[in-house]
Amino acid sequence: MTEDATTPWGTGLTVAAFVAAVTAGAIVVLSLGLVRVQPILAVGLNLVAVGGLAPTVWGWRRRPVWRWFVLGSAVGVVVGWLVLLGMAIKAVVA
């Protein structure tokens, strides 16, 4: 058997999508609250939080179940940051 035959792609990608949605939503909501207080604080806390969690999460990427959480959280962070960047550009242009 190859690894592809035993990998639960459907379930794994569903879990990854759910984790990505929750992570992106959390990043956007928490960052918007911090931006109202101090934009530099929001950027700094995002970098510290992601930088602090990244080594731990990266270590999970080889575990059979946790790898889907790693994929979802990575995609969620990127999507959350892109949404925030888009909102910031829209605010500057408007």
C-alpha atoms as a PDB file:
ATOM      1  CA  MET A   1       0.000   0.000   0.000  1.00  0.00           C
ATOM      2  CA  THR A   2       1.177   3.465  -0.755  1.00  0.00           C
ATOM      3  CA  GLU A   3       0.800   6.375   1.626  1.00  0.00           C
ATOM      4  CA  ASP A   4      -1.811   7.945  -0.658  1.00  0.00           C
ATOM      5  CA  ALA A   5      -4.104   4.934  -0.223  1.00  0.00           C
ATOM      6  CA  THR A   6      -4.082   5.237   3.570  1.00  0.00           C
ATOM      7  CA  THR A   7      -4.241   9.029   3.860  1.00  0.00           C
ATOM      8  CA  PRO A   8      -7.782  10.226   4.726  1.00  0.00           C
ATOM      9  CA  TRP A   9      -7.788  13.167   2.323  1.00  0.00           C
ATOM     10  CA  GLY A  10     -11.490  13.967   2.563  1.00  0.00           C
ATOM     11  CA  THR A  11     -11.636  14.030   6.340  1.00  0.00           C
ATOM     12  CA  GLY A  12      -8.231  15.670   6.668  1.00  0.00           C
ATOM     13  CA  LEU A  13      -8.981  18.501   4.271  1.00  0.00           C
ATOM     14  CA  THR A  14     -12.346  19.062   5.960  1.00  0.00           C
ATOM     15  CA  VAL A  15     -10.608  19.394   9.326  1.00  0.00           C
ATOM     16  CA  ALA A  16      -7.979  21.677   7.794  1.00  0.00           C
ATOM     17  CA  ALA A  17     -10.664  23.902   6.241  1.00  0.00           C
ATOM     18  CA  PHE A  18     -12.517  24.190   9.545  1.00  0.00           C
ATOM     19  CA  VAL A  19      -9.308  25.021  11.447  1.00  0.00           C
ATOM     20  CA  ALA A  20      -8.375  27.574   8.765  1.00  0.00           C
ATOM     21  CA  ALA A  21     -11.773  29.291   9.024  1.00  0.00           C
ATOM     22  CA  VAL A  22     -11.650  29.460  12.816  1.00  0.00           C
ATOM     23  CA  THR A  23      -8.034  30.663  12.843  1.00  0.00           C
ATOM     24  CA  ALA A  24      -8.610  33.331  10.184  1.00  0.00           C
ATOM     25  CA  GLY A  25     -11.763  34.533  11.934  1.00  0.00           C
ATOM     26  CA  ALA A  26     -10.010  34.742  15.285  1.00  0.00           C
ATOM     27  CA  ILE A  27      -7.073  36.652  13.830  1.00  0.00           C
ATOM     28  CA  VAL A  28      -9.308  39.158  12.052  1.00  0.00           C
ATOM     29  CA  VAL A  29     -11.644  39.762  15.001  1.00  0.00           C
ATOM     30  CA  LEU A  30      -8.898  40.097  17.607  1.00  0.00           C
ATOM     31  CA  SER A  31      -6.732  42.244  15.358  1.00  0.00           C
ATOM     32  CA  LEU A  32      -9.579  44.616  14.527  1.00  0.00           C
ATOM     33  CA  GLY A  33     -10.129  45.171  18.248  1.00  0.00           C
ATOM     34  CA  LEU A  34      -6.435  45.871  18.773  1.00  0.00           C
ATOM     35  CA  VAL A  35      -6.237  48.192  15.759  1.00  0.00           C
ATOM     36  CA  ARG A  36      -8.783  50.455  17.428  1.00  0.00           C
ATOM     37  CA  VAL A  37      -6.463  50.746  20.432  1.00  0.00           C
ATOM     38  CA  GLN A  38      -3.093  50.928  18.643  1.00  0.00           C
ATOM     39  CA  PRO A  39      -2.279  49.617  15.137  1.00  0.00           C
ATOM     40  CA  ILE A  40       1.381  48.969  15.967  1.00  0.00           C
ATOM     41  CA  LEU A  41       0.283  46.894  18.961  1.00  0.00           C
ATOM     42  CA  ALA A  42      -1.923  44.761  16.701  1.00  0.00           C
ATOM     43  CA  VAL A  43       0.933  44.067  14.291  1.00  0.00           C
ATOM     44  CA  GLY A  44       3.372  43.342  17.107  1.00  0.00           C
ATOM     45  CA  LEU A  45       1.069  40.971  18.936  1.00  0.00           C
ATOM     46  CA  ASN A  46       0.250  39.118  15.725  1.00  0.00           C
ATOM     47  CA  LEU A  47       3.930  38.596  14.997  1.00  0.00           C
ATOM     48  CA  VAL A  48       4.710  37.529  18.572  1.00  0.00           C
ATOM     49  CA  ALA A  49       1.754  35.130  18.746  1.00  0.00           C
ATOM     50  CA  VAL A  50       2.432  33.473  15.399  1.00  0.00           C
ATOM     51  CA  GLY A  51       6.189  33.456  15.947  1.00  0.00           C
ATOM     52  CA  GLY A  52       5.765  31.913  19.380  1.00  0.00           C
ATOM     53  CA  LEU A  53       3.372  29.197  18.266  1.00  0.00           C
ATOM     54  CA  ALA A  54       5.072  28.372  14.978  1.00  0.00           C
ATOM     55  CA  PRO A  55       7.856  26.112  16.363  1.00  0.00           C
ATOM     56  CA  THR A  56       5.384  24.015  18.356  1.00  0.00           C
ATOM     57  CA  VAL A  57       2.894  23.718  15.516  1.00  0.00           C
ATOM     58  CA  TRP A  58       5.669  22.978  13.018  1.00  0.00           C
ATOM     59  CA  GLY A  59       6.723  20.004  15.137  1.00  0.00           C
ATOM     60  CA  TRP A  60       3.249  18.493  14.731  1.00  0.00           C
ATOM     61  CA  ARG A  61       3.415  18.355  10.928  1.00  0.00           C
ATOM     62  CA  ARG A  62       4.652  14.731  10.859  1.00  0.00           C
ATOM     63  CA  ARG A  63       1.970  13.367  13.209  1.00  0.00           C
ATOM     64  CA  PRO A  64      -0.814  11.598  11.304  1.00  0.00           C
ATOM     65  CA  VAL A  65      -3.797  13.515  12.723  1.00  0.00           C
ATOM     66  CA  TRP A  66      -2.185  16.765  13.793  1.00  0.00           C
ATOM     67  CA  ARG A  67      -0.787  17.495  10.329  1.00  0.00           C
ATOM     68  CA  TRP A  68      -4.270  18.594   9.249  1.00  0.00           C
ATOM     69  CA  PHE A  69      -4.391  21.083  12.113  1.00  0.00           C
ATOM     70  CA  VAL A  70      -0.982  22.390  11.049  1.00  0.00           C
ATOM     71  CA  LEU A  71      -2.190  22.855   7.473  1.00  0.00           C
ATOM     72  CA  GLY A  72      -5.385  24.561   8.613  1.00  0.00           C
ATOM     73  CA  SER A  73      -3.671  26.894  11.027  1.00  0.00           C
ATOM     74  CA  ALA A  74      -1.043  27.902   8.458  1.00  0.00           C
ATOM     75  CA  VAL A  75      -3.687  28.630   5.829  1.00  0.00           C
ATOM     76  CA  GLY A  76      -5.819  30.435   8.422  1.00  0.00           C
ATOM     77  CA  VAL A  77      -2.989  32.729   9.465  1.00  0.00           C
ATOM     78  CA  VAL A  78      -2.186  33.624   5.865  1.00  0.00           C
ATOM     79  CA  VAL A  79      -5.845  34.233   4.989  1.00  0.00           C
ATOM     80  CA  GLY A  80      -6.405  36.268   8.164  1.00  0.00           C
ATOM     81  CA  TRP A  81      -3.394  38.450   7.455  1.00  0.00           C
ATOM     82  CA  LEU A  82      -4.443  38.934   3.821  1.00  0.00           C
ATOM     83  CA  VAL A  83      -7.931  39.972   4.916  1.00  0.00           C
ATOM     84  CA  LEU A  84      -6.444  42.460   7.376  1.00  0.00           C
ATOM     85  CA  LEU A  85      -4.085  43.785   4.709  1.00  0.00           C
ATOM     86  CA  GLY A  86      -6.988  44.184   2.286  1.00  0.00           C
ATOM     87  CA  MET A  87      -9.018  46.028   4.916  1.00  0.00           C
ATOM     88  CA  ALA A  88      -6.080  48.318   5.669  1.00  0.00           C
ATOM     89  CA  ILE A  89      -5.555  49.125   1.991  1.00  0.00           C
ATOM     90  CA  LYS A  90      -9.250  49.779   1.553  1.00  0.00           C
ATOM     91  CA  ALA A  91      -9.227  52.135   4.557  1.00  0.00           C
ATOM     92  CA  VAL A  92      -6.239  54.067   3.218  1.00  0.00           C
ATOM     93  CA  VAL A  93      -7.684  54.402  -0.289  1.00  0.00           C
ATOM     94  CA  ALA A  94     -11.158  55.424   0.886  1.00  0.00           C
END
